[in-house]
Amino acid sequence: MTDDLGAAGLRFERDGAIGWCVIDRPGARNALTPAMYFGIRRAVKLVNTDPDLAALIITGTGDVFAPGGDLGSRSEPGDAPLPDLTGADVLPFLTVRDSPAPVIAAVNGICQAGGLLIAMMADIAVASDQATFRVPELLRGIPDATYAAVLPAHVGLAVARDLLLSARRFDAAEALRLGVISRVVPHEELRAAAVQAAGEILQTAPEARLHVKRMLHEAYGPIDYQTMFWSLQNSPEPREGMRAFMEKRAPGWVPDQFAGDGTRR
């Protein structure tokens, strides 16, 4: 049995009590369209309303989990119209975080930007030993409010500064050591390890678990979406950052001495 999440780049599959949300847009390296972001919200709602389902596992295909949003703002044939929502209401991150049903991220490969936020907001993130990570938002001129609130709670302020301000790549072993994710397994064991993690959480009492999750999430503090979306609408930096990304060049704010590093993707 399959379920339509309203986004061409997502598949929903059932395996007993587990729902699998599979990010499958190989032509765009699994870049997430707005419809896909909202489709992940639909997947979370589905596992929380369908009596046959008890948990959700989010994963990707090939060597990519998710690289974040599609900076080309492309949509795909078959995408359902989005509800009349704006800004943060389309994003899935808080929906994943607050889900009463367990949400597991099975990180199979490249995981960055919005993809990494999905993994961090999941109850447990299980990563392949082949996965790689990065927080590239500032390379694109985006003052990401979710990262500013979430990352320090996971890794501490000094490491959060490092990862956000340098936008450097790091591997699964470092992600585990820093506390960005909680489990790393051999690549071929990823699916089984994700199912095991879901089964472990499902042993716990649902109401008590929800209370504990709420108390844990208080460590994140407020998320300043007002500043983030004002900047996206009014600052020239996100537009220049996205143009530079599409044109494979350094943004205009990079000094000539370091412009050769500005084409990182």
Protein backbone atom coordinates (compact mmCIF):
# COMPACT_ATOMS: atom_id res chain seq x y z
CA MET A 1 0.00 0.00 0.00
CA THR A 2 1.25 3.49 -0.85
CA ASP A 3 0.16 6.95 0.23
CA ASP A 4 0.43 10.20 -1.72
CA LEU A 5 2.33 12.93 0.14
CA GLY A 6 1.59 15.53 -2.53
CA ALA A 7 5.20 15.87 -3.70
CA ALA A 8 6.78 14.17 -6.69
CA GLY A 9 10.11 13.76 -4.92
CA LEU A 10 8.73 11.83 -1.94
CA ARG A 11 7.52 8.26 -1.56
CA PHE A 12 5.63 6.83 1.40
CA GLU A 13 5.99 3.13 2.05
CA ARG A 14 4.55 0.89 4.75
CA ASP A 15 6.38 -1.89 6.54
CA GLY A 16 4.10 -3.18 9.26
CA ALA A 17 3.73 -0.45 11.88
CA ILE A 18 6.55 1.61 10.34
CA GLY A 19 5.97 4.28 7.74
CA TRP A 20 8.91 5.17 5.51
CA CYS A 21 9.16 8.65 3.98
CA VAL A 22 11.72 8.26 1.20
CA ILE A 23 13.32 11.34 -0.33
CA ASP A 24 13.70 10.26 -3.95
CA ARG A 25 14.49 13.06 -6.39
CA PRO A 26 17.71 11.85 -8.02
CA GLY A 27 17.57 14.34 -10.89
CA ALA A 28 18.08 17.15 -8.38
CA ARG A 29 20.24 15.21 -5.90
CA ASN A 30 17.27 15.04 -3.50
CA ALA A 31 17.03 18.83 -3.14
CA LEU A 32 13.81 19.62 -1.31
CA THR A 33 11.10 21.66 -3.01
CA PRO A 34 8.50 23.51 -0.92
CA ALA A 35 6.05 20.71 -1.80
CA MET A 36 8.53 18.13 -0.47
CA TYR A 37 9.04 20.06 2.76
CA PHE A 38 5.29 20.16 3.24
CA GLY A 39 5.02 16.51 2.18
CA ILE A 40 7.28 15.55 5.10
CA ARG A 41 4.80 17.32 7.36
CA ARG A 42 2.06 15.21 5.78
CA ALA A 43 4.06 12.04 6.45
CA VAL A 44 4.35 12.96 10.14
CA LYS A 45 0.62 13.63 10.31
CA LEU A 46 -0.10 10.31 8.61
CA VAL A 47 1.77 8.20 11.15
CA ASN A 48 0.02 10.09 13.94
CA THR A 49 -3.50 9.59 12.57
CA ASP A 50 -3.38 6.14 10.95
CA PRO A 51 -4.09 3.45 13.58
CA ASP A 52 -2.04 0.93 11.60
CA LEU A 53 1.13 3.04 11.89
CA ALA A 54 3.24 3.72 14.97
CA ALA A 55 6.47 5.37 13.80
CA LEU A 56 8.06 7.19 10.87
CA ILE A 57 11.50 6.69 9.35
CA ILE A 58 12.79 9.37 6.97
CA THR A 59 15.58 8.40 4.58
CA GLY A 60 17.01 9.24 1.17
CA THR A 61 18.13 7.39 -1.92
CA GLY A 62 21.52 6.67 -3.46
CA ASP A 63 24.34 8.57 -1.78
CA VAL A 64 22.17 11.52 -0.68
CA PHE A 65 19.87 11.91 2.32
CA ALA A 66 18.91 15.55 1.66
CA PRO A 67 21.04 18.59 0.77
CA GLY A 68 18.42 21.11 1.86
CA GLY A 69 16.07 23.28 -0.14
CA ASP A 70 16.19 23.54 -3.92
CA LEU A 71 17.83 26.93 -4.45
CA GLY A 72 16.44 27.00 -7.98
CA SER A 73 12.94 27.03 -6.46
CA ARG A 74 11.90 24.35 -8.89
CA SER A 75 8.73 22.31 -8.60
CA GLU A 76 7.93 18.97 -10.18
CA PRO A 77 4.95 17.74 -12.21
CA GLY A 78 2.62 16.03 -9.79
CA ASP A 79 3.28 18.39 -6.87
CA ALA A 80 0.03 19.16 -5.07
CA PRO A 81 -0.86 22.81 -4.51
CA LEU A 82 0.40 24.01 -1.17
CA PRO A 83 -2.04 25.27 1.45
CA ASP A 84 -2.22 29.03 1.92
CA LEU A 85 0.69 29.08 4.32
CA THR A 86 3.75 31.29 4.49
CA GLY A 87 7.22 31.18 5.97
CA ALA A 88 7.81 28.79 8.81
CA ASP A 89 4.40 27.16 8.41
CA VAL A 90 5.64 25.23 5.36
CA LEU A 91 8.80 23.98 7.08
CA PRO A 92 8.68 20.49 8.61
CA PHE A 93 11.29 20.87 11.35
CA LEU A 94 9.06 21.62 14.34
CA THR A 95 6.50 19.10 13.10
CA VAL A 96 9.18 16.41 13.14
CA ARG A 97 10.39 17.53 16.57
CA ASP A 98 6.95 17.59 18.17
CA SER A 99 5.55 14.39 16.67
CA PRO A 100 3.93 12.13 19.30
CA ALA A 101 4.81 9.14 17.11
CA PRO A 102 8.54 8.42 17.01
CA VAL A 103 10.44 9.87 14.05
CA ILE A 104 13.77 8.32 13.06
CA ALA A 105 16.18 9.76 10.50
CA ALA A 106 18.09 7.10 8.57
CA VAL A 107 20.86 9.23 7.10
CA ASN A 108 22.19 7.33 4.09
CA GLY A 109 24.54 9.92 2.59
CA ILE A 110 25.00 13.67 2.04
CA CYS A 111 23.07 15.50 4.75
CA GLN A 112 23.14 19.26 5.03
CA ALA A 113 21.07 22.42 5.42
CA GLY A 114 17.38 21.51 5.81
CA GLY A 115 18.23 17.84 5.52
CA LEU A 116 20.46 18.03 8.57
CA LEU A 117 17.79 19.93 10.49
CA ILE A 118 15.35 17.09 9.78
CA ALA A 119 17.91 14.61 11.12
CA MET A 120 18.62 16.70 14.22
CA MET A 121 14.93 17.22 14.99
CA ALA A 122 14.16 13.50 14.70
CA ASP A 123 13.96 11.55 17.95
CA ILE A 124 16.98 9.48 16.89
CA ALA A 125 19.27 10.06 13.90
CA VAL A 126 21.02 6.90 12.71
CA ALA A 127 23.71 7.63 10.13
CA SER A 128 25.58 5.48 7.68
CA ASP A 129 29.33 5.52 8.15
CA GLN A 130 29.43 6.95 4.61
CA ALA A 131 27.30 10.01 5.47
CA THR A 132 28.70 13.54 5.37
CA PHE A 133 27.34 16.71 6.92
CA ARG A 134 27.47 20.49 6.55
CA VAL A 135 25.63 23.66 7.64
CA PRO A 136 25.97 25.85 4.49
CA GLU A 137 23.30 28.50 5.09
CA LEU A 138 25.66 31.43 5.66
CA LEU A 139 27.41 30.65 2.38
CA ARG A 140 24.08 31.54 0.76
CA GLY A 141 23.41 34.64 2.89
CA ILE A 142 20.67 32.97 4.94
CA PRO A 143 20.51 33.75 8.71
CA ASP A 144 18.93 30.42 9.62
CA ALA A 145 16.92 30.79 12.82
CA THR A 146 16.34 27.07 13.38
CA TYR A 147 20.05 26.30 13.35
CA ALA A 148 20.83 29.25 15.62
CA ALA A 149 18.43 27.83 18.21
CA VAL A 150 18.98 24.10 17.76
CA LEU A 151 22.66 23.57 17.02
CA PRO A 152 24.07 25.06 20.27
CA ALA A 153 21.71 22.85 22.27
CA HIS A 154 23.13 19.77 20.53
CA VAL A 155 26.83 20.56 20.39
CA GLY A 156 27.53 23.59 22.62
CA LEU A 157 28.14 27.19 21.67
CA ALA A 158 31.77 26.91 20.57
CA VAL A 159 31.16 24.00 18.19
CA ALA A 160 27.96 25.60 16.91
CA ARG A 161 29.93 28.74 16.03
CA ASP A 162 32.51 26.60 14.23
CA LEU A 163 29.99 24.64 12.16
CA LEU A 164 27.74 27.61 11.34
CA LEU A 165 30.40 30.23 10.62
CA SER A 166 32.85 28.01 8.74
CA ALA A 167 30.21 25.97 6.85
CA ARG A 168 32.79 23.18 6.67
CA ARG A 169 32.02 19.58 5.84
CA PHE A 170 32.43 16.86 8.45
CA ASP A 171 32.04 13.10 8.37
CA ALA A 172 29.84 10.71 10.31
CA ALA A 173 32.49 9.94 12.92
CA GLU A 174 32.90 13.63 13.75
CA ALA A 175 29.14 14.19 13.71
CA LEU A 176 28.79 11.43 16.30
CA ARG A 177 31.64 12.76 18.42
CA LEU A 178 30.24 16.29 18.40
CA GLY A 179 26.69 15.18 19.22
CA VAL A 180 25.10 16.31 15.96
CA ILE A 181 23.69 12.78 15.59
CA SER A 182 23.52 9.89 18.05
CA ARG A 183 24.28 6.67 16.14
CA VAL A 184 26.56 5.59 13.29
CA VAL A 185 26.37 2.14 11.72
CA PRO A 186 27.94 0.39 8.72
CA HIS A 187 26.16 1.53 5.57
CA GLU A 188 24.65 -1.87 4.80
CA GLU A 189 23.10 -2.04 8.29
CA LEU A 190 21.35 1.33 8.14
CA ARG A 191 17.81 0.14 7.45
CA ALA A 192 17.87 -2.50 10.16
CA ALA A 193 19.40 -0.06 12.65
CA ALA A 194 16.70 2.54 11.93
CA VAL A 195 13.94 -0.02 12.47
CA GLN A 196 15.63 -1.12 15.68
CA ALA A 197 15.73 2.48 16.93
CA ALA A 198 12.02 2.90 16.20
CA GLY A 199 11.24 -0.33 18.02
CA GLU A 200 13.24 0.79 21.05
CA ILE A 201 11.29 4.05 21.33
CA LEU A 202 7.97 2.22 20.89
CA GLN A 203 8.70 0.27 24.07
CA THR A 204 8.21 3.49 26.05
CA ALA A 205 4.92 4.91 27.32
CA PRO A 206 3.50 7.39 24.75
CA GLU A 207 2.07 10.01 27.11
CA ALA A 208 5.12 10.05 29.38
CA ARG A 209 7.39 10.13 26.34
CA LEU A 210 5.60 13.19 24.95
CA HIS A 211 6.03 15.03 28.26
CA VAL A 212 9.75 14.19 28.34
CA LYS A 213 10.17 15.35 24.74
CA ARG A 214 8.51 18.67 25.58
CA MET A 215 10.83 19.17 28.53
CA LEU A 216 13.89 18.28 26.45
CA HIS A 217 12.89 20.72 23.72
CA GLU A 218 12.85 23.61 26.17
CA ALA A 219 16.65 23.54 25.83
CA TYR A 220 16.29 24.96 22.31
CA GLY A 221 14.84 28.26 23.40
CA PRO A 222 12.87 30.58 21.07
CA ILE A 223 13.39 30.44 17.31
CA ASP A 224 13.63 33.89 15.70
CA TYR A 225 11.82 33.22 12.43
CA GLN A 226 10.82 36.89 12.21
CA THR A 227 14.42 37.96 11.54
CA MET A 228 15.09 35.03 9.23
CA PHE A 229 12.10 35.62 6.95
CA TRP A 230 12.54 39.41 7.00
CA SER A 231 16.08 38.85 5.69
CA LEU A 232 14.91 36.40 3.04
CA GLN A 233 12.42 38.97 1.78
CA ASN A 234 14.40 42.19 2.18
CA SER A 235 18.15 41.58 2.32
CA PRO A 236 20.15 41.40 -0.93
CA GLU A 237 22.43 38.73 0.56
CA PRO A 238 20.21 35.65 0.08
CA ARG A 239 19.57 36.60 -3.54
CA GLU A 240 23.28 37.13 -4.20
CA GLY A 241 24.15 33.92 -2.36
CA MET A 242 21.68 31.90 -4.42
CA ARG A 243 22.78 33.49 -7.69
CA ALA A 244 26.41 32.73 -6.86
CA PHE A 245 25.50 29.14 -6.04
CA MET A 246 23.68 28.68 -9.36
CA GLU A 247 26.53 30.36 -11.27
CA LYS A 248 29.20 28.38 -9.38
CA ARG A 249 31.11 31.47 -8.28
CA ALA A 250 31.98 33.20 -5.04
CA PRO A 251 29.38 35.66 -3.70
CA GLY A 252 30.27 39.31 -4.02
CA TRP A 253 30.97 39.70 -0.29
CA VAL A 254 33.96 37.33 -0.40
CA PRO A 255 37.34 39.15 -0.56
CA ASP A 256 39.28 38.42 -3.75
CA GLN A 257 42.00 36.70 -1.70
CA PHE A 258 39.53 34.00 -0.67
CA ALA A 259 37.18 33.94 -3.64
CA GLY A 260 38.56 30.60 -4.80
CA ASP A 261 36.93 29.02 -1.76
CA GLY A 262 33.55 30.54 -2.50
CA THR A 263 32.43 27.95 -5.02
CA ARG A 264 32.00 25.26 -2.35
CA ARG A 265 28.72 23.44 -2.80
